[in-house]
Amino acid sequence: MLQSVKRLAELKVKLVTTTDFHETFNYFFDHFGENDEFMRAGHARHNARLQQVLANCAQPILKQSVITMRNTIMVYIREHRFYHGALTINNIMANFFYFQDIDSGLLALAVAPERGETIIARFSLHVVGAPPEEFPN
């Protein structure tokens, strides 16, 4: 798992520094997608807030007001505060990963797999609250 931990750190750097999200997602699939040791490191853990953010992220991409999510698989690796998984969003295959410690992740939607068309978006779960009260003069 040591090599996977190093690559997970590299993935995190790519996520926050790159503007080519396809490259970052390819890195994820190349180093983690078929890595049995990495896949066994996590456990199933649903996160309703993460699922809602994925739906909110997909809505403008798909230009659809109703979002239906099915077959959701979320895997969590506690020691790295890292989620990854797959689901279908309005019958479109999707994959995602999310780092809790930096509150950032990527969602990939295979909108036209027959043409190799995938749309990737970076997201955050950060909750924006009411603005702070102004200080008196």
Protein backbone atom coordinates (compact mmCIF):
# COMPACT_ATOMS: atom_id res chain seq x y z
CA MET A 1 0.00 0.00 0.00
CA LEU A 2 3.04 2.28 0.38
CA GLN A 3 3.25 2.89 -3.38
CA SER A 4 -0.49 3.58 -3.47
CA VAL A 5 -0.16 6.12 -0.64
CA LYS A 6 2.54 7.96 -2.60
CA ARG A 7 0.39 7.95 -5.72
CA LEU A 8 -2.62 9.13 -3.72
CA ALA A 9 -0.56 12.15 -2.61
CA GLU A 10 0.38 12.77 -6.25
CA LEU A 11 -3.29 12.54 -7.24
CA LYS A 12 -4.16 15.14 -4.61
CA VAL A 13 -1.53 17.54 -5.98
CA LYS A 14 -2.80 17.02 -9.53
CA LEU A 15 -6.37 17.66 -8.40
CA VAL A 16 -5.59 21.08 -6.97
CA THR A 17 -2.98 22.23 -9.50
CA THR A 18 -4.05 21.01 -12.92
CA THR A 19 -6.46 22.51 -15.38
CA ASP A 20 -6.61 19.27 -17.39
CA PHE A 21 -9.10 17.21 -15.42
CA HIS A 22 -9.01 14.39 -17.99
CA GLU A 23 -5.31 13.90 -17.22
CA THR A 24 -6.06 13.80 -13.49
CA PHE A 25 -8.86 11.26 -13.90
CA ASN A 26 -6.69 9.15 -16.19
CA TYR A 27 -4.03 9.16 -13.46
CA PHE A 28 -6.65 7.93 -10.99
CA PHE A 29 -7.77 5.09 -13.29
CA ASP A 30 -4.21 4.15 -14.31
CA HIS A 31 -2.95 3.83 -10.74
CA PHE A 32 -6.02 2.95 -8.70
CA GLY A 33 -8.79 1.69 -10.97
CA GLU A 34 -7.40 -1.83 -11.31
CA ASN A 35 -5.24 -1.91 -8.19
CA ASP A 36 -6.67 -4.75 -6.08
CA GLU A 37 -4.65 -3.80 -3.01
CA PHE A 38 -6.00 -0.26 -3.16
CA MET A 39 -9.58 -1.44 -3.72
CA ARG A 40 -9.39 -3.70 -0.65
CA ALA A 41 -8.10 -0.83 1.51
CA GLY A 42 -11.51 0.85 1.71
CA HIS A 43 -14.96 -0.10 2.85
CA ALA A 44 -18.48 0.78 1.71
CA ARG A 45 -19.66 3.99 3.33
CA HIS A 46 -22.53 6.08 2.06
CA ASN A 47 -22.26 9.86 2.35
CA ALA A 48 -25.58 11.59 1.64
CA ARG A 49 -24.00 15.03 1.43
CA LEU A 50 -21.44 13.85 -1.13
CA GLN A 51 -24.21 12.20 -3.15
CA GLN A 52 -26.21 15.45 -3.14
CA VAL A 53 -23.18 17.43 -4.32
CA LEU A 54 -22.64 14.93 -7.15
CA ALA A 55 -26.27 15.43 -8.22
CA ASN A 56 -25.92 19.22 -8.02
CA CYS A 57 -22.71 19.05 -10.04
CA ALA A 58 -24.29 16.86 -12.74
CA GLN A 59 -27.43 18.98 -13.16
CA PRO A 60 -25.91 21.88 -15.17
CA ILE A 61 -23.64 19.52 -17.11
CA LEU A 62 -26.57 17.39 -18.27
CA LYS A 63 -28.88 20.43 -18.56
CA GLN A 64 -31.63 18.46 -16.83
CA SER A 65 -33.70 19.65 -13.91
CA VAL A 66 -34.41 16.16 -12.57
CA ILE A 67 -31.44 14.05 -11.53
CA THR A 68 -31.86 10.33 -10.82
CA MET A 69 -29.00 8.45 -9.23
CA ARG A 70 -28.82 4.66 -9.21
CA ASN A 71 -26.38 1.88 -8.42
CA THR A 72 -24.30 4.15 -6.22
CA ILE A 73 -21.13 2.61 -4.83
CA MET A 74 -19.10 4.71 -2.39
CA VAL A 75 -15.87 3.40 -0.93
CA TYR A 76 -14.11 5.21 1.89
CA ILE A 77 -10.48 4.87 2.95
CA ARG A 78 -10.50 6.27 6.47
CA GLU A 79 -6.76 6.74 7.00
CA HIS A 80 -6.59 8.93 3.88
CA ARG A 81 -10.02 10.56 4.25
CA PHE A 82 -10.69 9.57 0.66
CA TYR A 83 -13.90 8.55 -1.12
CA HIS A 84 -14.16 7.01 -4.56
CA GLY A 85 -16.90 5.25 -6.40
CA ALA A 86 -19.25 4.81 -9.30
CA LEU A 87 -22.92 5.35 -10.07
CA THR A 88 -25.34 6.12 -12.86
CA ILE A 89 -26.76 9.61 -13.12
CA ASN A 90 -29.79 9.83 -15.43
CA ASN A 91 -28.64 6.53 -16.96
CA ILE A 92 -25.14 7.91 -17.64
CA MET A 93 -22.17 6.10 -16.15
CA ALA A 94 -20.21 8.22 -13.69
CA ASN A 95 -17.15 7.87 -11.49
CA PHE A 96 -15.84 10.14 -8.79
CA PHE A 97 -13.22 10.62 -6.14
CA TYR A 98 -13.08 13.07 -3.26
CA PHE A 99 -10.47 14.08 -0.67
CA GLN A 100 -12.10 15.20 2.59
CA ASP A 101 -9.01 16.93 3.96
CA ILE A 102 -8.82 19.38 1.05
CA ASP A 103 -12.57 19.32 0.32
CA SER A 104 -12.09 18.70 -3.38
CA GLY A 105 -12.96 15.97 -5.85
CA LEU A 106 -13.69 15.13 -9.47
CA LEU A 107 -16.82 13.77 -11.12
CA ALA A 108 -16.54 12.11 -14.55
CA LEU A 109 -19.69 11.61 -16.65
CA ALA A 110 -19.44 9.34 -19.71
CA VAL A 111 -21.98 11.37 -21.72
CA ALA A 112 -21.21 9.70 -25.07
CA PRO A 113 -18.99 6.66 -24.46
CA GLU A 114 -19.33 5.50 -28.06
CA ARG A 115 -17.49 8.69 -29.09
CA GLY A 116 -15.20 8.69 -26.06
CA GLU A 117 -16.87 11.84 -24.72
CA THR A 118 -16.51 12.30 -20.99
CA ILE A 119 -17.21 15.51 -19.10
CA ILE A 120 -15.23 16.02 -15.92
CA ALA A 121 -15.95 18.60 -13.22
CA ARG A 122 -14.12 19.52 -10.05
CA PHE A 123 -16.34 19.94 -6.99
CA SER A 124 -16.30 20.82 -3.31
CA LEU A 125 -18.68 20.04 -0.45
CA HIS A 126 -17.96 23.33 1.27
CA VAL A 127 -21.13 24.69 2.82
CA VAL A 128 -21.59 28.39 2.30
CA GLY A 129 -23.50 29.92 5.15
CA ALA A 130 -24.86 33.34 5.90
CA PRO A 131 -22.31 36.14 5.62
CA PRO A 132 -20.74 37.22 8.90
CA GLU A 133 -22.31 40.15 10.69
CA GLU A 134 -20.62 43.47 10.13
CA PHE A 135 -18.58 44.93 12.94
CA PRO A 136 -19.91 48.17 14.42
CA ASN A 137 -17.86 51.28 13.56
